[in-house]
Amino acid sequence: MADEQKARVRMAEAVITEEMITKMRNKIGAKLRIDEEINNEEATWIAIRKFADGIGDPNPLWTNREYAGKTRFGSLAAPPSWIFAVFAGLQLGWAGLGGFHNETQIDFYKPILLGDKVFPECHYLGFDGPKPSSYAEKIIVDWKENTLF
């Protein structure tokens, strides 16, 4: 009975195949559905303050309305890393393969200020690999572009 139970709860395992690679190549350039991955769509005072408190950043630009009003922004601003509170971290595509986040590159063009509404999008840019790995037999690195408007 115990062996039968173990077999039922075993996680799916997969290996990288040419079919998987072809399927993912066909997704390059696709705009991904992210509705279920969005945590914030407006930079509210509570969203900004809770994020700043959560990362331990005491900068009064994030939490003190009076101070922030006297800055060049004229308003509370969200910490630049607040954008991580918008996206939950989208996984996609490689059925049966484990995945993890290992790098983020960010370009900031303007600050997010109190009351700003953000409209996030995510596009699948492609992948590198498969490559040999000491962690797993092979790895693939996915590239996505998250944009806030």
Protein backbone atom coordinates (compact mmCIF):
# COMPACT_ATOMS: atom_id res chain seq x y z
CA MET A 1 0.00 0.00 0.00
CA ALA A 2 2.78 2.48 0.88
CA ASP A 3 4.58 1.86 -2.45
CA GLU A 4 1.32 2.32 -4.34
CA GLN A 5 0.73 5.62 -2.53
CA LYS A 6 4.26 6.86 -3.36
CA ALA A 7 3.68 6.12 -7.04
CA ARG A 8 0.52 8.23 -7.06
CA VAL A 9 2.17 11.32 -5.56
CA ARG A 10 5.34 11.22 -7.63
CA MET A 11 6.04 14.45 -9.52
CA ALA A 12 6.19 14.33 -13.29
CA GLU A 13 9.69 14.03 -14.68
CA ALA A 14 10.76 14.94 -18.16
CA VAL A 15 13.84 15.29 -20.30
CA ILE A 16 14.45 17.96 -22.91
CA THR A 17 13.36 16.71 -26.33
CA GLU A 18 13.50 18.15 -29.85
CA GLU A 19 9.69 18.30 -29.77
CA MET A 20 9.81 20.54 -26.65
CA ILE A 21 12.44 22.76 -28.25
CA THR A 22 10.39 23.16 -31.43
CA LYS A 23 7.25 23.94 -29.42
CA MET A 24 9.06 26.65 -27.44
CA ARG A 25 10.68 28.14 -30.58
CA ASN A 26 7.16 28.59 -31.94
CA LYS A 27 6.28 30.68 -28.86
CA ILE A 28 9.07 33.23 -29.40
CA GLY A 29 7.57 36.72 -29.61
CA ALA A 30 4.29 35.68 -28.00
CA LYS A 31 2.54 38.04 -25.62
CA LEU A 32 1.92 35.94 -22.54
CA ARG A 33 -1.30 35.89 -20.52
CA ILE A 34 -0.38 37.30 -17.12
CA ASP A 35 -3.74 38.24 -15.58
CA GLU A 36 -3.31 35.68 -12.79
CA GLU A 37 0.31 36.80 -12.18
CA ILE A 38 -0.40 40.49 -11.46
CA ASN A 39 -0.33 41.56 -7.80
CA ASN A 40 -0.60 45.36 -8.09
CA GLU A 41 -1.99 47.60 -10.79
CA GLU A 42 -1.93 50.87 -8.85
CA ALA A 43 0.77 52.45 -6.71
CA THR A 44 -1.38 53.05 -3.64
CA TRP A 45 0.00 54.38 -0.38
CA ILE A 46 -0.56 51.01 1.31
CA ALA A 47 1.05 49.02 -1.53
CA ILE A 48 4.11 51.29 -1.52
CA ARG A 49 4.43 51.44 2.28
CA LYS A 50 4.00 47.71 2.81
CA PHE A 51 6.57 46.94 0.13
CA ALA A 52 9.07 49.43 1.59
CA ASP A 53 8.49 48.02 5.08
CA GLY A 54 8.85 44.48 3.75
CA ILE A 55 12.25 45.14 2.21
CA GLY A 56 13.35 47.19 5.23
CA ASP A 57 13.88 50.42 3.29
CA PRO A 58 13.26 53.44 5.57
CA ASN A 59 13.63 56.09 2.82
CA PRO A 60 10.99 58.76 3.62
CA LEU A 61 10.41 59.24 -0.12
CA TRP A 62 8.45 55.99 0.04
CA THR A 63 6.53 56.53 3.31
CA ASN A 64 6.41 60.18 4.43
CA ARG A 65 3.93 62.26 2.41
CA GLU A 66 5.16 65.59 3.77
CA TYR A 67 8.81 64.82 3.03
CA ALA A 68 8.03 63.37 -0.42
CA GLY A 69 5.91 66.40 -1.35
CA LYS A 70 8.97 68.63 -0.98
CA THR A 71 11.16 66.53 -3.28
CA ARG A 72 11.58 66.90 -7.05
CA PHE A 73 8.87 64.23 -7.42
CA GLY A 74 6.30 66.25 -5.45
CA SER A 75 4.73 63.02 -4.25
CA LEU A 76 5.41 59.70 -2.62
CA ALA A 77 7.29 57.43 -4.99
CA ALA A 78 7.50 53.66 -5.09
CA PRO A 79 10.94 52.12 -4.51
CA PRO A 80 12.31 51.08 -7.92
CA SER A 81 12.13 47.42 -6.89
CA TRP A 82 8.37 47.84 -6.27
CA ILE A 83 7.91 46.53 -9.80
CA PHE A 84 8.58 43.09 -8.31
CA ALA A 85 5.31 43.60 -6.43
CA VAL A 86 3.52 43.89 -9.77
CA PHE A 87 4.59 40.60 -11.35
CA ALA A 88 4.39 37.36 -9.38
CA GLY A 89 6.96 35.50 -11.46
CA LEU A 90 5.69 33.74 -14.51
CA GLN A 91 6.76 30.22 -15.36
CA LEU A 92 5.97 28.78 -18.75
CA GLY A 93 6.25 26.06 -21.24
CA TRP A 94 8.75 23.34 -20.41
CA ALA A 95 6.33 20.63 -19.24
CA GLY A 96 7.72 18.42 -16.48
CA LEU A 97 10.95 20.41 -16.10
CA GLY A 98 11.72 22.34 -12.94
CA GLY A 99 12.43 26.03 -13.16
CA PHE A 100 13.85 28.81 -11.05
CA HIS A 101 14.57 32.53 -11.34
CA ASN A 102 18.23 33.43 -11.51
CA GLU A 103 18.65 36.92 -12.98
CA THR A 104 16.85 40.18 -13.64
CA GLN A 105 18.00 43.13 -15.71
CA ILE A 106 15.97 46.32 -15.31
CA ASP A 107 15.86 49.60 -17.22
CA PHE A 108 13.97 52.41 -15.47
CA TYR A 109 12.66 55.30 -17.55
CA LYS A 110 10.58 57.19 -15.00
CA PRO A 111 9.56 56.83 -11.38
CA ILE A 112 6.31 55.26 -10.27
CA LEU A 113 4.48 57.83 -8.16
CA LEU A 114 1.59 57.57 -5.74
CA GLY A 115 -1.63 56.95 -7.67
CA ASP A 116 0.06 55.82 -10.88
CA LYS A 117 -1.73 52.97 -12.58
CA VAL A 118 0.50 50.40 -14.26
CA PHE A 119 -0.34 48.18 -17.18
CA PRO A 120 2.02 45.21 -17.25
CA GLU A 121 2.80 43.05 -20.25
CA CYS A 122 5.11 40.08 -20.73
CA HIS A 123 6.57 38.79 -24.00
CA TYR A 124 8.51 35.57 -24.50
CA LEU A 125 11.81 36.48 -26.18
CA GLY A 126 13.25 33.00 -26.55
CA PHE A 127 15.82 30.77 -24.88
CA ASP A 128 19.43 29.71 -24.79
CA GLY A 129 20.31 26.06 -24.74
CA PRO A 130 20.04 23.33 -24.01
CA LYS A 131 23.46 23.58 -22.40
CA PRO A 132 25.41 21.08 -20.29
CA SER A 133 25.01 21.68 -16.57
CA SER A 134 26.61 20.49 -13.36
CA TYR A 135 23.26 21.10 -11.64
CA ALA A 136 21.20 19.01 -14.05
CA GLU A 137 22.04 17.03 -17.14
CA LYS A 138 21.07 20.01 -19.31
CA ILE A 139 19.64 23.46 -18.69
CA ILE A 140 17.71 25.98 -20.74
CA VAL A 141 17.61 29.70 -20.00
CA ASP A 142 14.34 31.43 -20.92
CA TRP A 143 14.23 35.13 -21.76
CA LYS A 144 11.12 37.19 -21.10
CA GLU A 145 10.51 40.92 -21.21
CA ASN A 146 8.21 42.43 -18.61
CA THR A 147 7.07 45.96 -19.38
CA LEU A 148 4.98 48.43 -17.38
CA PHE A 149 3.06 51.14 -19.20
